[in-house]
Structure formats: C-alpha cells, structure tokens
Amino acid sequence: MEALGRAGAKLFVERLRLEWRPGTPVAELSGRLAFRPVGYPGELIELMTLVLDGTLDAHSRDDLTRMTPQSGRAGAVPRIRAATDVGNAPMAAAFARAGYLTFERQIDMTWR
C-alpha cells in the first residue's frame, strides 16, 4: 500500500468478503421480521432499491453514481456471498447474526 501511495493511489475502502454456506444454522426468529414469498417478479428489486437509500457501503454508493438500482441486479450465482465495508459495523453485525463467515479481507485503492 505504501508503494501504491507513492504512485498516487489512495485507500478507497477496506472490505470484508463473506459467505453463507449450506448447512449453517439460521438464527432464531426475533419477531422483528416476517418472511413471506415474493409477491411479483420486480418486488425484490424494489425492496433492494429501498435498502440502498442511505447505504453506508462505499462500493454501493459509488455504483449508484453510474447506474440505477434496477440496472445492476441480474444473473444467478451458485453460492451466497456478500461484502461490506469494515467501517459499516451495523451491516457486518447483521451478516454475522445470519451465519455469514468472513473468508477474505479486501483493500481497494483508487487513482481518482
């Protein structure tokens, strides 16, 4: 990082890379949330759009300067992975409560 800094790079964000593995126990329901099936095809995109409003995640904030929430959420993945900024303690704690494990830390630099 020091060598990159001398070349003009600056720290953008340090992130936790997380993964939920099949068989991981799910936390007991607290009664604060209710789970139900998706009501219509666009409902998940609409809900995630609401979640992004006011996000503390540096990558999500940066993404929203170039695209809308609707233009980013296509494709299937073979496992459930996530990432959040180290400084986004509320989100990191929520992932931990849901049984996600940190499998990697990532440091992102930028030359803006």
C-alpha atoms as a PDB file:
ATOM      1  CA  MET A   1       0.000   0.000   0.000  1.00  0.00           C
ATOM      2  CA  GLU A   2       2.869   2.332   0.709  1.00  0.00           C
ATOM      3  CA  ALA A   3       4.317   1.767  -2.783  1.00  0.00           C
ATOM      4  CA  LEU A   4       0.896   2.348  -4.343  1.00  0.00           C
ATOM      5  CA  GLY A   5       0.551   5.526  -2.311  1.00  0.00           C
ATOM      6  CA  ARG A   6       3.840   6.827  -3.715  1.00  0.00           C
ATOM      7  CA  ALA A   7       2.408   6.118  -7.186  1.00  0.00           C
ATOM      8  CA  GLY A   8      -0.646   8.275  -6.428  1.00  0.00           C
ATOM      9  CA  ALA A   9      -3.109   5.668  -5.158  1.00  0.00           C
ATOM     10  CA  LYS A  10      -5.357   6.386  -2.208  1.00  0.00           C
ATOM     11  CA  LEU A  11      -7.259   3.972   0.027  1.00  0.00           C
ATOM     12  CA  PHE A  12     -10.856   3.743  -1.169  1.00  0.00           C
ATOM     13  CA  VAL A  13     -12.166   1.210   1.351  1.00  0.00           C
ATOM     14  CA  GLU A  14     -11.297  -1.957   3.262  1.00  0.00           C
ATOM     15  CA  ARG A  15     -13.946  -4.652   2.918  1.00  0.00           C
ATOM     16  CA  LEU A  16     -14.987  -7.928   4.474  1.00  0.00           C
ATOM     17  CA  ARG A  17     -15.843 -10.692   2.000  1.00  0.00           C
ATOM     18  CA  LEU A  18     -18.438 -13.003   3.482  1.00  0.00           C
ATOM     19  CA  GLU A  19     -20.030 -16.314   2.607  1.00  0.00           C
ATOM     20  CA  TRP A  20     -23.028 -18.240   3.905  1.00  0.00           C
ATOM     21  CA  ARG A  21     -22.505 -21.955   3.470  1.00  0.00           C
ATOM     22  CA  PRO A  22     -25.235 -24.586   3.149  1.00  0.00           C
ATOM     23  CA  GLY A  23     -25.894 -26.238   6.484  1.00  0.00           C
ATOM     24  CA  THR A  24     -25.060 -23.115   8.503  1.00  0.00           C
ATOM     25  CA  PRO A  25     -27.735 -22.748  11.169  1.00  0.00           C
ATOM     26  CA  VAL A  26     -30.025 -19.767  10.713  1.00  0.00           C
ATOM     27  CA  ALA A  27     -30.554 -17.540  13.753  1.00  0.00           C
ATOM     28  CA  GLU A  28     -33.785 -17.886  15.691  1.00  0.00           C
ATOM     29  CA  LEU A  29     -36.527 -15.545  14.558  1.00  0.00           C
ATOM     30  CA  SER A  30     -36.715 -12.496  16.813  1.00  0.00           C
ATOM     31  CA  GLY A  31     -40.217 -11.450  15.813  1.00  0.00           C
ATOM     32  CA  ARG A  32     -38.843  -8.208  14.314  1.00  0.00           C
ATOM     33  CA  LEU A  33     -39.021  -9.601  10.769  1.00  0.00           C
ATOM     34  CA  ALA A  34     -41.684 -11.510   8.867  1.00  0.00           C
ATOM     35  CA  PHE A  35     -40.803 -13.818   5.972  1.00  0.00           C
ATOM     36  CA  ARG A  36     -43.136 -14.459   3.042  1.00  0.00           C
ATOM     37  CA  PRO A  37     -42.850 -15.475  -0.620  1.00  0.00           C
ATOM     38  CA  VAL A  38     -42.124 -12.846  -3.273  1.00  0.00           C
ATOM     39  CA  GLY A  39     -45.394 -11.307  -4.444  1.00  0.00           C
ATOM     40  CA  TYR A  40     -44.406 -10.413  -8.045  1.00  0.00           C
ATOM     41  CA  PRO A  41     -41.254 -10.518 -10.235  1.00  0.00           C
ATOM     42  CA  GLY A  42     -39.994  -6.971  -9.617  1.00  0.00           C
ATOM     43  CA  GLU A  43     -40.597  -6.958  -5.865  1.00  0.00           C
ATOM     44  CA  LEU A  44     -37.051  -7.935  -4.821  1.00  0.00           C
ATOM     45  CA  ILE A  45     -35.530  -5.183  -6.997  1.00  0.00           C
ATOM     46  CA  GLU A  46     -37.935  -2.661  -5.480  1.00  0.00           C
ATOM     47  CA  LEU A  47     -37.008  -3.780  -1.949  1.00  0.00           C
ATOM     48  CA  MET A  48     -33.262  -3.672  -2.648  1.00  0.00           C
ATOM     49  CA  THR A  49     -33.703  -0.181  -4.124  1.00  0.00           C
ATOM     50  CA  LEU A  50     -35.171   0.930  -0.784  1.00  0.00           C
ATOM     51  CA  VAL A  51     -32.304  -0.747   1.106  1.00  0.00           C
ATOM     52  CA  LEU A  52     -29.693   1.168  -0.918  1.00  0.00           C
ATOM     53  CA  ASP A  53     -31.156   4.528   0.085  1.00  0.00           C
ATOM     54  CA  GLY A  54     -28.710   5.916   2.644  1.00  0.00           C
ATOM     55  CA  THR A  55     -26.322   2.948   2.434  1.00  0.00           C
ATOM     56  CA  LEU A  56     -23.006   3.144   4.282  1.00  0.00           C
ATOM     57  CA  ASP A  57     -21.354   0.849   1.714  1.00  0.00           C
ATOM     58  CA  ALA A  58     -18.713   2.703  -0.334  1.00  0.00           C
ATOM     59  CA  HIS A  59     -18.994   0.420  -3.372  1.00  0.00           C
ATOM     60  CA  SER A  60     -22.793   0.682  -3.465  1.00  0.00           C
ATOM     61  CA  ARG A  61     -22.629   4.491  -3.165  1.00  0.00           C
ATOM     62  CA  ASP A  62     -20.053   4.574  -5.979  1.00  0.00           C
ATOM     63  CA  ASP A  63     -22.160   2.211  -8.146  1.00  0.00           C
ATOM     64  CA  LEU A  64     -25.194   4.467  -7.704  1.00  0.00           C
ATOM     65  CA  THR A  65     -23.260   7.377  -9.281  1.00  0.00           C
ATOM     66  CA  ARG A  66     -23.140   5.390 -12.548  1.00  0.00           C
ATOM     67  CA  MET A  67     -26.310   3.251 -12.575  1.00  0.00           C
ATOM     68  CA  THR A  68     -29.741   2.846 -11.057  1.00  0.00           C
ATOM     69  CA  PRO A  69     -30.522   0.023  -8.627  1.00  0.00           C
ATOM     70  CA  GLN A  70     -32.691  -1.596 -11.302  1.00  0.00           C
ATOM     71  CA  SER A  71     -29.844  -1.791 -13.829  1.00  0.00           C
ATOM     72  CA  GLY A  72     -27.413  -3.680 -11.543  1.00  0.00           C
ATOM     73  CA  ARG A  73     -29.347  -6.953 -10.053  1.00  0.00           C
ATOM     74  CA  ALA A  74     -29.269  -9.744 -12.981  1.00  0.00           C
ATOM     75  CA  GLY A  75     -27.839 -13.333 -13.035  1.00  0.00           C
ATOM     76  CA  ALA A  76     -27.711 -16.299 -10.705  1.00  0.00           C
ATOM     77  CA  VAL A  77     -24.811 -17.407  -8.539  1.00  0.00           C
ATOM     78  CA  PRO A  78     -24.002 -20.887  -7.197  1.00  0.00           C
ATOM     79  CA  ARG A  79     -23.488 -19.713  -3.584  1.00  0.00           C
ATOM     80  CA  ILE A  80     -24.466 -16.864  -1.300  1.00  0.00           C
ATOM     81  CA  ARG A  81     -21.651 -14.357  -0.962  1.00  0.00           C
ATOM     82  CA  ALA A  82     -21.643 -10.787   0.219  1.00  0.00           C
ATOM     83  CA  ALA A  83     -19.269  -7.978   1.064  1.00  0.00           C
ATOM     84  CA  THR A  84     -19.433  -4.951   3.285  1.00  0.00           C
ATOM     85  CA  ASP A  85     -17.071  -2.207   4.306  1.00  0.00           C
ATOM     86  CA  VAL A  86     -15.106  -2.773   7.515  1.00  0.00           C
ATOM     87  CA  GLY A  87     -16.458   0.591   8.703  1.00  0.00           C
ATOM     88  CA  ASN A  88     -20.070  -0.491   8.164  1.00  0.00           C
ATOM     89  CA  ALA A  89     -20.307  -2.169  11.577  1.00  0.00           C
ATOM     90  CA  PRO A  90     -24.138  -2.489  11.601  1.00  0.00           C
ATOM     91  CA  MET A  91     -24.110  -4.438   8.320  1.00  0.00           C
ATOM     92  CA  ALA A  92     -21.148  -6.606   9.369  1.00  0.00           C
ATOM     93  CA  ALA A  93     -23.001  -7.474  12.581  1.00  0.00           C
ATOM     94  CA  ALA A  94     -26.166  -8.348  10.627  1.00  0.00           C
ATOM     95  CA  PHE A  95     -24.189 -10.719   8.394  1.00  0.00           C
ATOM     96  CA  ALA A  96     -22.602 -12.347  11.470  1.00  0.00           C
ATOM     97  CA  ARG A  97     -26.040 -12.858  13.077  1.00  0.00           C
ATOM     98  CA  ALA A  98     -27.225 -14.508   9.846  1.00  0.00           C
ATOM     99  CA  GLY A  99     -24.346 -17.005   9.961  1.00  0.00           C
ATOM    100  CA  TYR A 100     -22.078 -15.498   7.301  1.00  0.00           C
ATOM    101  CA  LEU A 101     -18.343 -16.151   7.744  1.00  0.00           C
ATOM    102  CA  THR A 102     -15.594 -13.757   6.700  1.00  0.00           C
ATOM    103  CA  PHE A 103     -13.437 -15.674   4.222  1.00  0.00           C
ATOM    104  CA  GLU A 104     -11.316 -12.765   3.000  1.00  0.00           C
ATOM    105  CA  ARG A 105     -10.469  -9.109   3.584  1.00  0.00           C
ATOM    106  CA  GLN A 106     -10.031  -6.813   0.620  1.00  0.00           C
ATOM    107  CA  ILE A 107      -8.337  -3.441   0.312  1.00  0.00           C
ATOM    108  CA  ASP A 108      -9.454  -1.287  -2.614  1.00  0.00           C
ATOM    109  CA  MET A 109      -7.286   1.557  -3.854  1.00  0.00           C
ATOM    110  CA  THR A 110      -8.178   4.270  -6.344  1.00  0.00           C
ATOM    111  CA  TRP A 111      -6.319   6.699  -8.581  1.00  0.00           C
ATOM    112  CA  ARG A 112      -9.053   9.350  -8.886  1.00  0.00           C
END
